[in-house]
Amino acid sequence: MNYTWNWIIFVIYCFVMVYIGYLGYKKTQNIDDYYVASRSFGLGVAIPLFAASFISSASIIGYTGFAYGYGWSFLIKYGLGVALGWIGLQIFSPKIYNSNYTWYTTSDLFCARYYDEKFMRGFQGLFNAFYMFIYVVIGLTGIGTIMEVFLGISYFWAVVIVATIFLAYTVTGGMYSVAWTNVVQFILLTIGVFIAAIASVKSAGGIANINSVIANIEGGITNLVPGAMHSIDARGAVPLGQSIGMAIGIGLTCPCAIYYHRIYFSIKSKKVAGSFVGISALILAATYIAIGLIGMAGRIIVPELANTEQVFPTIIMKLPFVLSALIVAGVISAIQSTLDNQLLSAGSLATHDLYNKIYNKNATEEDLVKVSRIFTLLIGIFATIIALIRPALVIELYNFIMILIPTVLFPPLLLGLFWKRTTREAGIFGCAFGLIAGLLWILFGPENIPATLVVLPINIILMIIVSKFTPNPPVEVAEKFF
């Protein structure tokens, strides 16, 4: 197989990303620049930054694989989930963006709302930094697997090369580099996904033919009955309750995602805060439908795949060299645009919340920029090493984290931002209870009932009870948040 065009496009892409990183480095003069780009972003940056950050390796590999295996039911399991996530973020937008405060991390928001620096700073800093680290490891694993196919190199070198590039521009330029590269990456990933979708659908004989063929698919890798790929639950192969539970989990996780909060902390006005998610959602909805069509077209183009998650790279490598190379650039962009934001979030949390606010409160601006770059680099290197080892434990931790994020963060975020009576004691209780109860449910609870459907509502109820029996929040806190 000839990988020449893939390599040519990839090398050009890498040079562009590194150059943008250099521009970000020149622009960054202080810690405000490094963390949140001096809160200067308008819609022109916020929309591609959010849209590019939203599409990850799970979207490209996982969603196409699920559509390949189960057809239109992907709209319930994943489509409903991301739609709920967009709606949740839109509802939370005017609260997460608060002109009364200067926030760098989500921990700042929690500390301000719950008027507590001791527990909230340490807990939020550690929990959020850890889950961002796991996200980066998973992202590197995904992109290594993809680039192994697209570039014809070993998984080891695929991870090392990609990690080197995104570490270079993220560490040096901070939020400016992340945002500017995301603008370019958003353009590339959108072009790549739609080229792939059009080429796949055409190769499969058109949408009408795809629908006709998949309606009669029986057995196969996912052992379906006829008509399953047209059913919202794949005729029982994908339990509807499980799909709705997962969709709710995705929907509740989005408003809690700290790398989305970072975008709110980096924009320049309430008007931008209230509109960029809604506009981005229109673009993303079309992109996700295109991703699903690629998966279903794959059931016709490569009907006997042993692994559903190989459908996207397998289809792309069947296209003409130039087209496949452009799509490769789009795929890399989709994954790196999420990774860089997550890595910067992890580095900022480690520096701002743990180093500056707890260990060295007198650090200078120059020291903080330097320490941020060091922490971001070290976290990135460590994540790369773990990704190269590919321990099964990482996947287990990722599954744990995906369940714990909404149980730990959503109740105190929801009540803290929308009910002024919520107290410090309730916020502390909500974080601790969500973590402990979430872990216990994961370890000992029924596998077919997600923790988000049980632990989360109980946590909300208990937080309300705790608030009723503890002193009201200070007046100045209520005034600034409500």
Protein backbone atom coordinates (compact mmCIF):
# COMPACT_ATOMS: atom_id res chain seq x y z
CA MET A 1 0.00 0.00 0.00
CA ASN A 2 1.31 3.47 -0.91
CA TYR A 3 1.36 5.90 2.03
CA THR A 4 3.16 8.75 0.21
CA TRP A 5 0.24 11.18 0.03
CA ASN A 6 -0.73 10.45 3.63
CA TRP A 7 2.78 11.32 4.75
CA ILE A 8 2.94 14.47 2.62
CA ILE A 9 -0.32 15.81 4.04
CA PHE A 10 0.65 14.76 7.56
CA VAL A 11 4.04 16.51 7.43
CA ILE A 12 2.46 19.72 6.09
CA TYR A 13 -0.16 19.52 8.85
CA CYS A 14 2.54 19.12 11.51
CA PHE A 15 4.50 22.13 10.29
CA VAL A 16 1.36 24.28 10.31
CA MET A 17 0.48 23.21 13.89
CA VAL A 18 4.01 23.89 15.16
CA TYR A 19 4.06 27.30 13.47
CA ILE A 20 0.76 28.23 15.07
CA GLY A 21 2.22 27.11 18.38
CA TYR A 22 5.11 29.48 17.82
CA LEU A 23 2.67 32.34 17.15
CA GLY A 24 0.86 31.47 20.38
CA TYR A 25 4.18 31.49 22.23
CA LYS A 26 4.97 34.99 20.92
CA LYS A 27 1.50 36.19 21.91
CA THR A 28 1.67 34.81 25.45
CA GLN A 29 3.07 37.43 27.82
CA ASN A 30 1.53 36.48 31.18
CA ILE A 31 -0.45 33.80 32.98
CA ASP A 32 -3.77 35.33 31.88
CA ASP A 33 -2.68 34.81 28.29
CA TYR A 34 -1.52 31.26 28.95
CA TYR A 35 -4.61 30.07 30.83
CA VAL A 36 -7.47 31.89 29.07
CA ALA A 37 -5.99 34.00 26.23
CA SER A 38 -6.80 37.18 28.18
CA ARG A 39 -10.53 36.47 27.70
CA SER A 40 -10.39 37.75 24.13
CA PHE A 41 -12.31 35.20 22.05
CA GLY A 42 -15.36 36.11 20.01
CA LEU A 43 -17.67 33.81 18.04
CA GLY A 44 -15.11 33.39 15.25
CA VAL A 45 -12.82 31.50 17.62
CA ALA A 46 -15.30 30.15 20.19
CA ILE A 47 -17.40 28.22 17.64
CA PRO A 48 -14.57 26.24 15.99
CA LEU A 49 -12.83 25.84 19.36
CA PHE A 50 -15.89 24.24 20.91
CA ALA A 51 -16.88 22.20 17.83
CA ALA A 52 -13.37 20.85 17.34
CA SER A 53 -13.04 20.01 21.05
CA PHE A 54 -16.35 18.17 21.00
CA ILE A 55 -15.36 15.63 18.33
CA SER A 56 -12.86 13.10 19.66
CA SER A 57 -11.49 9.67 18.78
CA ALA A 58 -14.63 8.19 20.37
CA SER A 59 -16.72 10.11 17.83
CA ILE A 60 -14.68 9.07 14.81
CA ILE A 61 -13.97 5.45 15.74
CA GLY A 62 -16.70 4.57 18.23
CA TYR A 63 -19.70 6.15 16.53
CA THR A 64 -18.87 4.83 13.05
CA GLY A 65 -18.26 1.40 14.58
CA PHE A 66 -21.60 1.44 16.38
CA ALA A 67 -23.48 2.58 13.26
CA TYR A 68 -21.72 -0.20 11.32
CA GLY A 69 -22.89 -2.74 13.86
CA TYR A 70 -26.37 -1.53 14.76
CA GLY A 71 -27.54 1.00 12.17
CA TRP A 72 -29.87 3.88 12.96
CA SER A 73 -30.06 3.03 16.67
CA PHE A 74 -26.87 5.10 17.01
CA LEU A 75 -29.15 8.18 16.91
CA ILE A 76 -30.64 7.17 20.27
CA LYS A 77 -27.54 5.96 22.04
CA TYR A 78 -25.21 8.72 20.86
CA GLY A 79 -27.26 11.29 18.96
CA LEU A 80 -29.65 11.84 21.86
CA GLY A 81 -26.73 12.01 24.28
CA VAL A 82 -24.81 14.74 22.45
CA ALA A 83 -28.06 16.67 21.85
CA LEU A 84 -28.79 16.60 25.59
CA GLY A 85 -25.21 17.73 26.19
CA TRP A 86 -25.62 20.73 23.91
CA ILE A 87 -28.92 21.66 25.55
CA GLY A 88 -27.35 21.33 29.00
CA LEU A 89 -24.40 23.53 28.08
CA GLN A 90 -26.72 26.11 26.57
CA ILE A 91 -28.77 26.22 29.79
CA PHE A 92 -25.64 26.49 31.95
CA SER A 93 -23.98 29.08 29.67
CA PRO A 94 -25.10 32.29 31.42
CA LYS A 95 -24.06 30.84 34.77
CA ILE A 96 -20.65 29.41 33.86
CA TYR A 97 -19.74 32.72 32.24
CA ASN A 98 -19.83 35.15 35.15
CA SER A 99 -18.47 38.65 34.60
CA ASN A 100 -18.31 39.21 38.37
CA TYR A 101 -15.38 36.83 38.64
CA THR A 102 -12.06 36.14 36.94
CA TRP A 103 -11.83 32.36 36.74
CA TYR A 104 -9.03 30.24 35.31
CA THR A 105 -10.28 26.75 36.24
CA THR A 106 -13.51 25.03 37.25
CA SER A 107 -12.12 24.85 40.78
CA ASP A 108 -12.26 28.66 40.90
CA LEU A 109 -15.98 28.49 40.12
CA PHE A 110 -16.65 25.91 42.85
CA CYS A 111 -14.53 27.75 45.42
CA ALA A 112 -16.31 31.04 44.72
CA ARG A 113 -19.82 29.57 44.77
CA TYR A 114 -19.26 27.44 47.86
CA TYR A 115 -17.08 30.06 49.61
CA ASP A 116 -14.53 27.40 50.49
CA GLU A 117 -10.86 27.26 49.54
CA LYS A 118 -9.69 24.26 51.55
CA PHE A 119 -11.78 21.25 50.54
CA MET A 120 -13.06 22.51 47.19
CA ARG A 121 -9.67 23.64 45.90
CA GLY A 122 -7.92 20.38 46.73
CA PHE A 123 -10.77 18.04 45.79
CA GLN A 124 -11.68 19.73 42.52
CA GLY A 125 -8.04 20.23 41.54
CA LEU A 126 -7.11 16.57 42.09
CA PHE A 127 -10.29 15.01 40.70
CA ASN A 128 -10.41 17.16 37.57
CA ALA A 129 -6.68 16.92 36.85
CA PHE A 130 -6.83 13.13 37.18
CA TYR A 131 -9.77 12.69 34.86
CA MET A 132 -8.24 15.06 32.30
CA PHE A 133 -5.07 12.97 32.42
CA ILE A 134 -7.07 9.79 31.75
CA TYR A 135 -8.81 11.54 28.84
CA VAL A 136 -5.43 12.45 27.31
CA VAL A 137 -4.18 8.86 27.65
CA ILE A 138 -7.31 7.48 25.98
CA GLY A 139 -7.06 10.07 23.20
CA LEU A 140 -3.42 9.19 22.52
CA THR A 141 -4.31 5.51 22.43
CA GLY A 142 -7.05 6.21 19.89
CA ILE A 143 -4.95 8.36 17.63
CA GLY A 144 -2.07 5.88 17.80
CA THR A 145 -4.38 3.11 16.62
CA ILE A 146 -5.66 5.23 13.74
CA MET A 147 -2.27 6.54 12.60
CA GLU A 148 -0.85 3.02 12.71
CA VAL A 149 -3.22 2.23 9.83
CA PHE A 150 -3.02 5.54 7.96
CA LEU A 151 0.77 5.99 7.99
CA GLY A 152 1.84 2.36 7.88
CA ILE A 153 4.03 2.65 10.98
CA SER A 154 4.03 0.90 14.34
CA TYR A 155 1.68 1.97 17.12
CA PHE A 156 4.72 3.06 19.17
CA TRP A 157 5.98 5.56 16.60
CA ALA A 158 2.47 6.75 15.78
CA VAL A 159 1.89 7.76 19.41
CA VAL A 160 5.35 9.29 19.82
CA ILE A 161 5.13 11.41 16.65
CA VAL A 162 1.61 12.70 17.29
CA ALA A 163 2.33 13.37 20.99
CA THR A 164 5.47 15.33 20.09
CA ILE A 165 3.53 17.62 17.76
CA PHE A 166 0.61 18.43 20.02
CA LEU A 167 2.88 18.79 23.07
CA ALA A 168 5.04 21.26 21.15
CA TYR A 169 2.27 23.72 20.35
CA THR A 170 0.19 23.23 23.52
CA VAL A 171 3.06 23.61 26.00
CA THR A 172 4.61 26.64 24.32
CA GLY A 173 1.57 28.72 23.36
CA GLY A 174 -1.08 27.79 25.93
CA MET A 175 -4.67 28.81 25.21
CA TYR A 176 -3.81 30.98 22.22
CA SER A 177 -2.14 28.03 20.48
CA VAL A 178 -4.94 25.63 21.45
CA ALA A 179 -7.61 27.97 20.09
CA TRP A 180 -5.83 28.95 16.88
CA THR A 181 -4.89 25.37 16.03
CA ASN A 182 -8.47 24.32 16.78
CA VAL A 183 -9.75 26.79 14.18
CA VAL A 184 -7.57 25.14 11.53
CA GLN A 185 -8.35 21.66 12.86
CA PHE A 186 -12.08 22.35 12.78
CA ILE A 187 -11.89 23.26 9.09
CA LEU A 188 -9.84 20.17 8.31
CA LEU A 189 -12.00 17.74 10.32
CA THR A 190 -15.21 19.11 8.80
CA ILE A 191 -13.84 18.77 5.28
CA GLY A 192 -12.43 15.32 6.08
CA VAL A 193 -15.62 13.91 7.57
CA PHE A 194 -17.86 15.18 4.78
CA ILE A 195 -15.49 13.97 2.05
CA ALA A 196 -15.46 10.57 3.74
CA ALA A 197 -19.24 10.52 4.06
CA ILE A 198 -19.89 11.53 0.43
CA ALA A 199 -17.33 9.04 -0.90
CA SER A 200 -18.64 6.22 1.32
CA VAL A 201 -22.29 6.79 0.48
CA LYS A 202 -21.48 6.99 -3.24
CA SER A 203 -19.44 3.78 -3.05
CA ALA A 204 -22.32 2.06 -1.24
CA GLY A 205 -24.82 3.04 -3.96
CA GLY A 206 -26.47 6.02 -2.28
CA ILE A 207 -28.52 6.52 0.87
CA ALA A 208 -31.59 4.76 -0.54
CA ASN A 209 -29.54 1.68 -1.36
CA ILE A 210 -27.88 1.71 2.06
CA ASN A 211 -31.27 1.78 3.78
CA SER A 212 -32.58 -0.98 1.54
CA VAL A 213 -29.60 -3.27 2.13
CA ILE A 214 -29.22 -2.79 5.89
CA ALA A 215 -32.95 -3.44 6.36
CA ASN A 216 -32.36 -7.07 5.42
CA ILE A 217 -29.05 -7.68 7.18
CA GLU A 218 -29.17 -10.74 9.39
CA GLY A 219 -26.56 -12.22 11.73
CA GLY A 220 -23.07 -10.87 11.05
CA ILE A 221 -20.62 -9.52 13.57
CA THR A 222 -23.39 -8.13 15.79
CA ASN A 223 -25.75 -11.09 15.29
CA LEU A 224 -28.80 -9.08 14.20
CA VAL A 225 -32.28 -10.12 13.17
CA PRO A 226 -33.78 -8.72 9.93
CA GLY A 227 -34.87 -5.09 10.28
CA ALA A 228 -32.68 -4.49 13.33
CA MET A 229 -30.59 -1.76 11.70
CA HIS A 230 -33.76 0.27 11.11
CA SER A 231 -34.94 -0.08 14.71
CA ILE A 232 -34.17 2.37 17.52
CA ASP A 233 -33.15 -0.56 19.73
CA ALA A 234 -31.81 -2.80 16.94
CA ARG A 235 -34.70 -5.18 17.67
CA GLY A 236 -33.47 -5.83 21.19
CA ALA A 237 -29.74 -6.03 20.39
CA VAL A 238 -29.27 -2.58 21.95
CA PRO A 239 -31.62 -2.36 24.97
CA LEU A 240 -33.50 0.94 24.82
CA GLY A 241 -33.18 1.54 28.56
CA GLN A 242 -29.41 1.10 28.36
CA SER A 243 -29.19 3.48 25.40
CA ILE A 244 -31.29 6.14 27.14
CA GLY A 245 -29.23 5.72 30.31
CA MET A 246 -26.03 6.24 28.35
CA ALA A 247 -27.53 9.21 26.50
CA ILE A 248 -28.47 10.82 29.82
CA GLY A 249 -24.94 10.14 31.09
CA ILE A 250 -23.42 11.89 28.07
CA GLY A 251 -25.89 14.75 28.41
CA LEU A 252 -25.06 15.30 32.09
CA THR A 253 -21.31 14.98 31.53
CA CYS A 254 -21.10 17.81 28.98
CA PRO A 255 -22.04 20.70 31.34
CA CYS A 256 -19.44 19.33 33.80
CA ALA A 257 -16.58 19.04 31.29
CA ILE A 258 -13.87 21.40 32.49
CA TYR A 259 -12.31 21.83 29.05
CA TYR A 260 -15.62 23.35 27.90
CA HIS A 261 -15.61 25.59 30.98
CA ARG A 262 -12.19 26.82 29.86
CA ILE A 263 -13.80 28.10 26.66
CA TYR A 264 -16.33 30.09 28.71
CA PHE A 265 -13.49 31.52 30.80
CA SER A 266 -11.71 32.61 27.60
CA ILE A 267 -14.50 34.46 25.78
CA LYS A 268 -15.03 38.18 25.87
CA SER A 269 -18.74 38.74 26.45
CA LYS A 270 -22.00 37.30 27.75
CA LYS A 271 -23.43 37.51 24.23
CA VAL A 272 -20.75 35.15 22.92
CA ALA A 273 -21.25 32.84 25.92
CA GLY A 274 -24.95 32.54 25.18
CA SER A 275 -24.67 31.74 21.49
CA PHE A 276 -21.54 29.80 20.55
CA VAL A 277 -22.82 26.39 21.74
CA GLY A 278 -26.13 26.70 19.88
CA ILE A 279 -24.46 27.70 16.62
CA SER A 280 -21.82 24.98 16.99
CA ALA A 281 -24.54 22.38 17.62
CA LEU A 282 -26.03 22.94 14.16
CA ILE A 283 -22.67 22.19 12.53
CA LEU A 284 -21.96 19.26 14.84
CA ALA A 285 -25.38 17.69 14.22
CA ALA A 286 -24.67 17.50 10.49
CA THR A 287 -21.19 16.14 11.21
CA TYR A 288 -22.50 13.35 13.46
CA ILE A 289 -25.09 12.31 10.86
CA ALA A 290 -22.26 12.13 8.32
CA ILE A 291 -20.24 9.96 10.74
CA GLY A 292 -23.20 7.60 11.15
CA LEU A 293 -23.66 7.32 7.38
CA ILE A 294 -20.00 6.32 7.01
CA GLY A 295 -20.56 3.47 9.46
CA MET A 296 -23.73 2.21 7.77
CA ALA A 297 -22.19 2.51 4.30
CA GLY A 298 -19.33 0.41 5.61
CA ARG A 299 -21.73 -2.49 6.20
CA ILE A 300 -22.05 -2.68 2.40
CA ILE A 301 -18.49 -1.74 1.39
CA VAL A 302 -16.68 -4.02 3.89
CA PRO A 303 -19.40 -6.37 5.21
CA GLU A 304 -17.16 -8.92 6.92
CA LEU A 305 -15.07 -6.85 9.33
CA ALA A 306 -13.93 -8.71 12.44
CA ASN A 307 -13.81 -5.48 14.49
CA THR A 308 -16.46 -2.79 14.03
CA GLU A 309 -14.07 -0.06 15.18
CA GLN A 310 -11.91 -0.68 12.10
CA VAL A 311 -14.65 0.44 9.71
CA PHE A 312 -13.55 4.08 9.40
CA PRO A 313 -9.83 3.51 8.69
CA THR A 314 -10.64 0.52 6.46
CA ILE A 315 -13.03 2.52 4.27
CA ILE A 316 -10.72 5.52 4.05
CA MET A 317 -7.78 3.43 2.86
CA LYS A 318 -9.92 2.23 -0.06
CA LEU A 319 -10.33 5.78 -1.39
CA PRO A 320 -7.99 7.49 -3.89
CA PHE A 321 -4.70 8.55 -2.30
CA VAL A 322 -5.31 12.30 -2.30
CA LEU A 323 -8.79 11.98 -0.80
CA SER A 324 -7.67 9.53 1.89
CA ALA A 325 -4.75 11.83 2.77
CA LEU A 326 -7.08 14.81 3.24
CA ILE A 327 -9.35 12.71 5.43
CA VAL A 328 -6.34 11.57 7.46
CA ALA A 329 -5.58 15.23 8.20
CA GLY A 330 -9.20 15.67 9.25
CA VAL A 331 -9.10 12.68 11.57
CA ILE A 332 -5.87 13.82 13.21
CA SER A 333 -7.42 17.26 13.62
CA ALA A 334 -10.54 15.84 15.25
CA ILE A 335 -8.57 13.97 17.87
CA GLN A 336 -5.78 16.48 18.50
CA SER A 337 -8.25 19.34 18.85
CA THR A 338 -9.73 17.58 21.87
CA LEU A 339 -6.41 16.36 23.26
CA ASP A 340 -4.73 19.77 23.35
CA ASN A 341 -7.61 21.39 25.26
CA GLN A 342 -7.67 18.51 27.74
CA LEU A 343 -3.91 18.60 28.24
CA LEU A 344 -3.91 22.35 28.81
CA SER A 345 -6.76 21.93 31.30
CA ALA A 346 -4.80 19.30 33.23
CA GLY A 347 -1.66 21.46 33.27
CA SER A 348 -3.59 24.56 34.35
CA LEU A 349 -5.31 22.67 37.16
CA ALA A 350 -2.01 21.32 38.44
CA THR A 351 -0.41 24.76 38.32
CA HIS A 352 -3.23 27.06 39.40
CA ASP A 353 -5.12 24.91 41.89
CA LEU A 354 -2.41 22.75 43.41
CA TYR A 355 0.84 24.70 42.96
CA ASN A 356 -0.26 28.34 43.12
CA LYS A 357 -3.30 28.23 45.42
CA ILE A 358 -2.01 25.59 47.84
CA TYR A 359 1.78 25.22 47.63
CA ASN A 360 3.17 28.60 46.53
CA LYS A 361 0.68 31.45 46.89
CA ASN A 362 3.37 34.08 46.30
CA ALA A 363 4.53 32.83 42.90
CA THR A 364 5.16 35.57 40.33
CA GLU A 365 3.49 35.78 36.90
CA GLU A 366 6.75 34.71 35.26
CA ASP A 367 7.10 31.75 37.61
CA LEU A 368 3.51 30.62 36.96
CA VAL A 369 3.92 30.66 33.17
CA LYS A 370 7.14 28.67 33.51
CA VAL A 371 5.64 26.18 35.97
CA SER A 372 2.51 25.81 33.80
CA ARG A 373 4.63 24.86 30.82
CA ILE A 374 6.64 22.39 32.90
CA PHE A 375 3.55 20.74 34.40
CA THR A 376 1.79 20.58 31.04
CA LEU A 377 4.87 19.00 29.46
CA LEU A 378 5.33 16.47 32.27
CA ILE A 379 1.66 15.46 32.23
CA GLY A 380 1.84 15.06 28.45
CA ILE A 381 5.01 12.95 28.60
CA PHE A 382 3.60 10.73 31.36
CA ALA A 383 0.32 10.31 29.44
CA THR A 384 2.32 9.32 26.35
CA ILE A 385 4.26 6.67 28.31
CA ILE A 386 1.03 5.20 29.70
CA ALA A 387 -0.53 5.22 26.23
CA LEU A 388 2.49 3.32 24.87
CA ILE A 389 2.11 0.66 27.56
CA ARG A 390 -1.65 0.42 26.88
CA PRO A 391 -2.56 -1.12 30.24
CA ALA A 392 -6.08 -2.52 30.53
CA LEU A 393 -6.38 -0.54 33.78
CA VAL A 394 -6.60 2.71 31.80
CA ILE A 395 -9.77 1.56 30.03
CA GLU A 396 -11.28 0.57 33.38
CA LEU A 397 -10.35 3.94 34.88
CA TYR A 398 -11.86 5.71 31.88
CA ASN A 399 -15.14 3.81 32.32
CA PHE A 400 -15.11 4.68 36.04
CA ILE A 401 -14.44 8.34 35.33
CA MET A 402 -17.22 8.59 32.75
CA ILE A 403 -19.67 7.40 35.41
CA LEU A 404 -18.20 9.49 38.24
CA ILE A 405 -18.07 12.85 36.42
CA PRO A 406 -21.86 13.39 36.47
CA THR A 407 -22.38 11.86 39.93
CA VAL A 408 -19.59 13.96 41.49
CA LEU A 409 -19.79 17.25 39.59
CA PHE A 410 -23.31 17.66 38.23
CA PRO A 411 -25.33 17.93 41.50
CA PRO A 412 -23.15 20.66 43.10
CA LEU A 413 -22.84 22.45 39.75
CA LEU A 414 -26.59 22.35 39.11
CA LEU A 415 -27.72 23.40 42.59
CA GLY A 416 -24.85 25.83 43.09
CA LEU A 417 -25.67 27.76 39.91
CA PHE A 418 -29.46 27.58 39.96
CA TRP A 419 -30.51 27.52 43.64
CA LYS A 420 -29.19 30.34 45.79
CA ARG A 421 -29.98 28.50 49.03
CA THR A 422 -27.33 25.83 48.33
CA THR A 423 -24.73 26.02 51.09
CA ARG A 424 -21.03 25.30 51.42
CA GLU A 425 -21.73 22.24 53.54
CA ALA A 426 -24.08 20.88 50.88
CA GLY A 427 -21.50 21.45 48.15
CA ILE A 428 -18.80 19.62 50.08
CA PHE A 429 -21.23 16.81 50.89
CA GLY A 430 -22.32 16.54 47.25
CA CYS A 431 -18.76 16.14 45.96
CA ALA A 432 -17.82 13.56 48.60
CA PHE A 433 -21.08 11.60 48.40
CA GLY A 434 -21.01 11.56 44.59
CA LEU A 435 -17.50 10.09 44.60
CA ILE A 436 -18.07 7.47 47.31
CA ALA A 437 -21.58 6.41 46.27
CA GLY A 438 -20.60 6.43 42.60
CA LEU A 439 -17.65 4.12 43.25
CA LEU A 440 -19.76 1.78 45.40
CA TRP A 441 -22.45 1.61 42.70
CA ILE A 442 -19.85 0.84 40.02
CA LEU A 443 -18.33 -1.94 42.14
CA PHE A 444 -21.45 -3.48 43.66
CA GLY A 445 -24.52 -2.05 41.90
CA PRO A 446 -26.54 -3.70 39.10
CA GLU A 447 -24.65 -3.52 35.80
CA ASN A 448 -27.76 -2.78 33.77
CA ILE A 449 -28.70 0.33 35.81
CA PRO A 450 -26.33 3.31 35.36
CA ALA A 451 -25.19 5.18 38.48
CA THR A 452 -26.39 8.41 36.89
CA LEU A 453 -30.00 7.20 37.17
CA VAL A 454 -29.72 6.39 40.90
CA VAL A 455 -26.78 8.06 42.66
CA LEU A 456 -27.17 11.42 40.93
CA PRO A 457 -30.82 12.13 41.90
CA ILE A 458 -30.19 10.86 45.44
CA ASN A 459 -27.21 13.20 45.68
CA ILE A 460 -29.34 16.17 44.58
CA ILE A 461 -32.03 15.36 47.16
CA LEU A 462 -29.49 14.96 49.96
CA MET A 463 -27.77 18.23 49.02
CA ILE A 464 -31.12 20.03 49.30
CA ILE A 465 -31.68 18.48 52.74
CA VAL A 466 -28.18 19.45 53.93
CA SER A 467 -28.74 23.01 52.66
CA LYS A 468 -31.98 23.27 54.64
CA PHE A 469 -30.17 22.41 57.86
CA THR A 470 -27.09 24.61 57.41
CA PRO A 471 -26.64 28.43 57.44
CA ASN A 472 -27.53 30.45 54.35
CA PRO A 473 -24.72 31.37 51.94
CA PRO A 474 -23.19 34.85 52.42
CA VAL A 475 -25.19 37.65 50.82
CA GLU A 476 -22.28 38.73 48.61
CA VAL A 477 -22.04 35.24 47.10
CA ALA A 478 -25.76 35.16 46.31
CA GLU A 479 -25.61 38.64 44.76
CA LYS A 480 -22.75 37.75 42.41
CA PHE A 481 -24.23 34.43 41.27
CA PHE A 482 -27.90 35.39 41.15
